[in-house]
Amino acid sequence: RAGGERLDAREALRRRLEDDFRSLGARYGALLLDGARHEPAIRLAERLLDADPADGEAWKLRMRAQLRLGDRSAMPVVLAATSHEMEAVRGQAAIALRQFDAPASAKAATLLDDQSPLVRIAAAASVLARPVERANDGSQR
């Protein structure tokens, strides 16, 4: 019985340390973004995702940092996030898609049918935020 209690205590400690690691990573990532330190924020997000590939906050940090860099390589990350299991990540991806060209906006439009109201609203905001090009004169409305 004492051995089982030690294992339970170790498991509880391990989980608490994982939660603390994720929480500190998210806070530090926000500080890095606020300080326009985008590349270190990307590296931090990748480290957090190595520890937990389902970490929604790490996905959001990575997308935001790459987008603020104007990094076109963010597109695969954003597209992958559109099918993430967490609705907050899919919603953030829908918003991020408006930073890209028309084919990316088309992907945002596919999220209008997502099961989550949060994702549908984010997708709608993304689609509506893109200027509509007129076919005949190239002007925007």
C-alpha atoms as a PDB file:
ATOM      1  CA  ARG A   1       0.000   0.000   0.000  1.00  0.00           C
ATOM      2  CA  ALA A   2       2.794   2.458   0.820  1.00  0.00           C
ATOM      3  CA  GLY A   3       4.326   1.807  -2.610  1.00  0.00           C
ATOM      4  CA  GLY A   4       1.024   2.643  -4.323  1.00  0.00           C
ATOM      5  CA  GLU A   5       0.712   5.877  -2.371  1.00  0.00           C
ATOM      6  CA  ARG A   6       4.235   6.883  -3.443  1.00  0.00           C
ATOM      7  CA  LEU A   7       3.358   6.209  -7.079  1.00  0.00           C
ATOM      8  CA  ASP A   8       0.188   8.286  -6.737  1.00  0.00           C
ATOM      9  CA  ALA A   9       2.171  11.115  -5.139  1.00  0.00           C
ATOM     10  CA  ARG A  10       4.798  10.948  -7.897  1.00  0.00           C
ATOM     11  CA  GLU A  11       2.107  10.974 -10.593  1.00  0.00           C
ATOM     12  CA  ALA A  12       0.417  13.964  -8.957  1.00  0.00           C
ATOM     13  CA  LEU A  13       3.766  15.779  -8.765  1.00  0.00           C
ATOM     14  CA  ARG A  14       4.551  14.936 -12.406  1.00  0.00           C
ATOM     15  CA  ARG A  15       1.188  16.298 -13.547  1.00  0.00           C
ATOM     16  CA  ARG A  16       1.577  19.453 -11.481  1.00  0.00           C
ATOM     17  CA  LEU A  17       5.040  20.053 -12.949  1.00  0.00           C
ATOM     18  CA  GLU A  18       3.696  19.527 -16.487  1.00  0.00           C
ATOM     19  CA  ASP A  19       0.898  22.013 -15.810  1.00  0.00           C
ATOM     20  CA  ASP A  20       3.394  24.514 -14.365  1.00  0.00           C
ATOM     21  CA  PHE A  21       5.673  24.055 -17.403  1.00  0.00           C
ATOM     22  CA  ARG A  22       2.788  24.748 -19.804  1.00  0.00           C
ATOM     23  CA  SER A  23       1.543  27.699 -17.763  1.00  0.00           C
ATOM     24  CA  LEU A  24       4.978  29.303 -17.521  1.00  0.00           C
ATOM     25  CA  GLY A  25       5.582  28.636 -21.199  1.00  0.00           C
ATOM     26  CA  ALA A  26       2.356  30.387 -22.156  1.00  0.00           C
ATOM     27  CA  ARG A  27       3.153  33.409 -19.977  1.00  0.00           C
ATOM     28  CA  TYR A  28       6.750  33.634 -21.195  1.00  0.00           C
ATOM     29  CA  GLY A  29       5.568  33.237 -24.790  1.00  0.00           C
ATOM     30  CA  ALA A  30       3.188  36.172 -24.377  1.00  0.00           C
ATOM     31  CA  LEU A  31       6.048  38.275 -23.014  1.00  0.00           C
ATOM     32  CA  LEU A  32       8.250  37.303 -25.954  1.00  0.00           C
ATOM     33  CA  LEU A  33       5.515  38.348 -28.398  1.00  0.00           C
ATOM     34  CA  ASP A  34       4.937  41.619 -26.552  1.00  0.00           C
ATOM     35  CA  GLY A  35       8.665  42.297 -26.857  1.00  0.00           C
ATOM     36  CA  ALA A  36       8.620  41.474 -30.596  1.00  0.00           C
ATOM     37  CA  ARG A  37      10.926  38.491 -29.981  1.00  0.00           C
ATOM     38  CA  HIS A  38       9.160  36.279 -32.485  1.00  0.00           C
ATOM     39  CA  GLU A  39      11.889  33.743 -33.245  1.00  0.00           C
ATOM     40  CA  PRO A  40      12.444  32.833 -29.557  1.00  0.00           C
ATOM     41  CA  ALA A  41       8.643  32.571 -29.218  1.00  0.00           C
ATOM     42  CA  ILE A  42       8.546  30.088 -32.102  1.00  0.00           C
ATOM     43  CA  ARG A  43      11.324  28.014 -30.506  1.00  0.00           C
ATOM     44  CA  LEU A  44       9.479  28.048 -27.177  1.00  0.00           C
ATOM     45  CA  ALA A  45       6.237  26.965 -28.843  1.00  0.00           C
ATOM     46  CA  GLU A  46       8.038  24.112 -30.575  1.00  0.00           C
ATOM     47  CA  ARG A  47       9.509  22.974 -27.264  1.00  0.00           C
ATOM     48  CA  LEU A  48       6.077  23.088 -25.638  1.00  0.00           C
ATOM     49  CA  LEU A  49       4.607  21.115 -28.550  1.00  0.00           C
ATOM     50  CA  ASP A  50       7.392  18.524 -28.236  1.00  0.00           C
ATOM     51  CA  ALA A  51       6.272  17.994 -24.642  1.00  0.00           C
ATOM     52  CA  ASP A  52       2.550  17.980 -25.510  1.00  0.00           C
ATOM     53  CA  PRO A  53       1.478  18.014 -29.178  1.00  0.00           C
ATOM     54  CA  ALA A  54      -2.117  18.781 -28.117  1.00  0.00           C
ATOM     55  CA  ASP A  55      -1.195  21.973 -26.197  1.00  0.00           C
ATOM     56  CA  GLY A  56      -3.605  24.535 -27.631  1.00  0.00           C
ATOM     57  CA  GLU A  57      -1.785  27.513 -26.133  1.00  0.00           C
ATOM     58  CA  ALA A  58       1.496  26.395 -27.723  1.00  0.00           C
ATOM     59  CA  TRP A  59      -0.244  26.091 -31.121  1.00  0.00           C
ATOM     60  CA  LYS A  60      -1.617  29.612 -30.760  1.00  0.00           C
ATOM     61  CA  LEU A  61       1.780  30.977 -29.691  1.00  0.00           C
ATOM     62  CA  ARG A  62       3.477  29.395 -32.695  1.00  0.00           C
ATOM     63  CA  MET A  63       0.880  30.713 -35.154  1.00  0.00           C
ATOM     64  CA  ARG A  64       0.931  34.222 -33.717  1.00  0.00           C
ATOM     65  CA  ALA A  65       4.725  34.428 -33.689  1.00  0.00           C
ATOM     66  CA  GLN A  66       5.068  33.198 -37.268  1.00  0.00           C
ATOM     67  CA  LEU A  67       2.331  35.509 -38.498  1.00  0.00           C
ATOM     68  CA  ARG A  68       3.865  38.529 -36.788  1.00  0.00           C
ATOM     69  CA  LEU A  69       7.139  37.714 -38.495  1.00  0.00           C
ATOM     70  CA  GLY A  70       5.276  37.735 -41.785  1.00  0.00           C
ATOM     71  CA  ASP A  71       6.625  34.243 -42.232  1.00  0.00           C
ATOM     72  CA  ARG A  72       4.969  32.478 -45.157  1.00  0.00           C
ATOM     73  CA  SER A  73       6.087  29.176 -43.626  1.00  0.00           C
ATOM     74  CA  ALA A  74       3.343  29.680 -41.054  1.00  0.00           C
ATOM     75  CA  MET A  75       0.787  28.473 -43.593  1.00  0.00           C
ATOM     76  CA  PRO A  76       1.337  24.712 -42.981  1.00  0.00           C
ATOM     77  CA  VAL A  77       1.102  25.260 -39.233  1.00  0.00           C
ATOM     78  CA  VAL A  78      -2.114  27.246 -39.578  1.00  0.00           C
ATOM     79  CA  LEU A  79      -3.622  24.717 -41.977  1.00  0.00           C
ATOM     80  CA  ALA A  80      -2.744  21.856 -39.601  1.00  0.00           C
ATOM     81  CA  ALA A  81      -4.336  23.785 -36.746  1.00  0.00           C
ATOM     82  CA  THR A  82      -7.637  24.012 -38.641  1.00  0.00           C
ATOM     83  CA  SER A  83      -8.189  20.312 -37.918  1.00  0.00           C
ATOM     84  CA  HIS A  84      -6.881  20.333 -34.331  1.00  0.00           C
ATOM     85  CA  GLU A  85      -9.069  18.602 -31.740  1.00  0.00           C
ATOM     86  CA  MET A  86      -9.307  21.728 -29.564  1.00  0.00           C
ATOM     87  CA  GLU A  87     -11.859  24.295 -30.697  1.00  0.00           C
ATOM     88  CA  ALA A  88      -9.750  27.212 -29.439  1.00  0.00           C
ATOM     89  CA  VAL A  89      -6.906  26.166 -31.747  1.00  0.00           C
ATOM     90  CA  ARG A  90      -9.255  25.758 -34.735  1.00  0.00           C
ATOM     91  CA  GLY A  91     -10.751  29.173 -33.980  1.00  0.00           C
ATOM     92  CA  GLN A  92      -7.337  30.823 -33.775  1.00  0.00           C
ATOM     93  CA  ALA A  93      -6.399  29.145 -37.048  1.00  0.00           C
ATOM     94  CA  ALA A  94      -9.552  30.502 -38.707  1.00  0.00           C
ATOM     95  CA  ILE A  95      -8.581  34.008 -37.608  1.00  0.00           C
ATOM     96  CA  ALA A  96      -4.984  33.506 -38.736  1.00  0.00           C
ATOM     97  CA  LEU A  97      -6.076  32.437 -42.222  1.00  0.00           C
ATOM     98  CA  ARG A  98      -7.154  35.969 -43.079  1.00  0.00           C
ATOM     99  CA  GLN A  99      -3.463  36.938 -43.102  1.00  0.00           C
ATOM    100  CA  PHE A 100      -2.959  34.871 -46.230  1.00  0.00           C
ATOM    101  CA  ASP A 101      -4.194  34.940 -49.814  1.00  0.00           C
ATOM    102  CA  ALA A 102      -7.544  33.916 -51.272  1.00  0.00           C
ATOM    103  CA  PRO A 103      -6.990  30.113 -51.204  1.00  0.00           C
ATOM    104  CA  ALA A 104      -6.389  30.370 -47.471  1.00  0.00           C
ATOM    105  CA  SER A 105      -9.595  32.349 -47.084  1.00  0.00           C
ATOM    106  CA  ALA A 106     -11.359  29.533 -48.882  1.00  0.00           C
ATOM    107  CA  LYS A 107     -10.066  27.197 -46.170  1.00  0.00           C
ATOM    108  CA  ALA A 108     -11.485  29.569 -43.558  1.00  0.00           C
ATOM    109  CA  ALA A 109     -14.830  29.329 -45.308  1.00  0.00           C
ATOM    110  CA  THR A 110     -14.778  25.539 -44.853  1.00  0.00           C
ATOM    111  CA  LEU A 111     -14.620  26.132 -41.094  1.00  0.00           C
ATOM    112  CA  LEU A 112     -18.037  27.808 -41.275  1.00  0.00           C
ATOM    113  CA  ASP A 113     -19.446  24.275 -40.952  1.00  0.00           C
ATOM    114  CA  ASP A 114     -17.381  23.348 -37.868  1.00  0.00           C
ATOM    115  CA  GLN A 115     -19.258  21.716 -34.990  1.00  0.00           C
ATOM    116  CA  SER A 116     -18.096  24.433 -32.601  1.00  0.00           C
ATOM    117  CA  PRO A 117     -19.906  27.800 -32.504  1.00  0.00           C
ATOM    118  CA  LEU A 118     -16.615  29.455 -31.464  1.00  0.00           C
ATOM    119  CA  VAL A 119     -14.876  28.163 -34.594  1.00  0.00           C
ATOM    120  CA  ARG A 120     -17.809  29.116 -36.845  1.00  0.00           C
ATOM    121  CA  ILE A 121     -17.764  32.672 -35.491  1.00  0.00           C
ATOM    122  CA  ALA A 122     -13.985  32.968 -35.918  1.00  0.00           C
ATOM    123  CA  ALA A 123     -14.245  31.625 -39.466  1.00  0.00           C
ATOM    124  CA  ALA A 124     -17.030  34.071 -40.297  1.00  0.00           C
ATOM    125  CA  ALA A 125     -14.980  36.967 -38.927  1.00  0.00           C
ATOM    126  CA  SER A 126     -12.018  35.839 -40.993  1.00  0.00           C
ATOM    127  CA  VAL A 127     -14.024  35.503 -44.189  1.00  0.00           C
ATOM    128  CA  LEU A 128     -15.775  38.854 -43.671  1.00  0.00           C
ATOM    129  CA  ALA A 129     -12.503  40.642 -42.907  1.00  0.00           C
ATOM    130  CA  ARG A 130     -11.052  39.828 -46.336  1.00  0.00           C
ATOM    131  CA  PRO A 131     -11.720  42.416 -49.035  1.00  0.00           C
ATOM    132  CA  VAL A 132     -13.845  41.125 -51.882  1.00  0.00           C
ATOM    133  CA  GLU A 133     -12.250  41.619 -55.285  1.00  0.00           C
ATOM    134  CA  ARG A 134     -14.482  42.543 -58.192  1.00  0.00           C
ATOM    135  CA  ALA A 135     -13.942  40.400 -61.240  1.00  0.00           C
ATOM    136  CA  ASN A 136     -14.305  43.200 -63.785  1.00  0.00           C
ATOM    137  CA  ASP A 137     -12.106  46.041 -62.477  1.00  0.00           C
ATOM    138  CA  GLY A 138      -9.965  44.599 -59.670  1.00  0.00           C
ATOM    139  CA  SER A 139     -11.239  47.174 -57.163  1.00  0.00           C
ATOM    140  CA  GLN A 140     -12.275  46.220 -53.660  1.00  0.00           C
ATOM    141  CA  ARG A 141     -15.582  46.745 -51.934  1.00  0.00           C
END
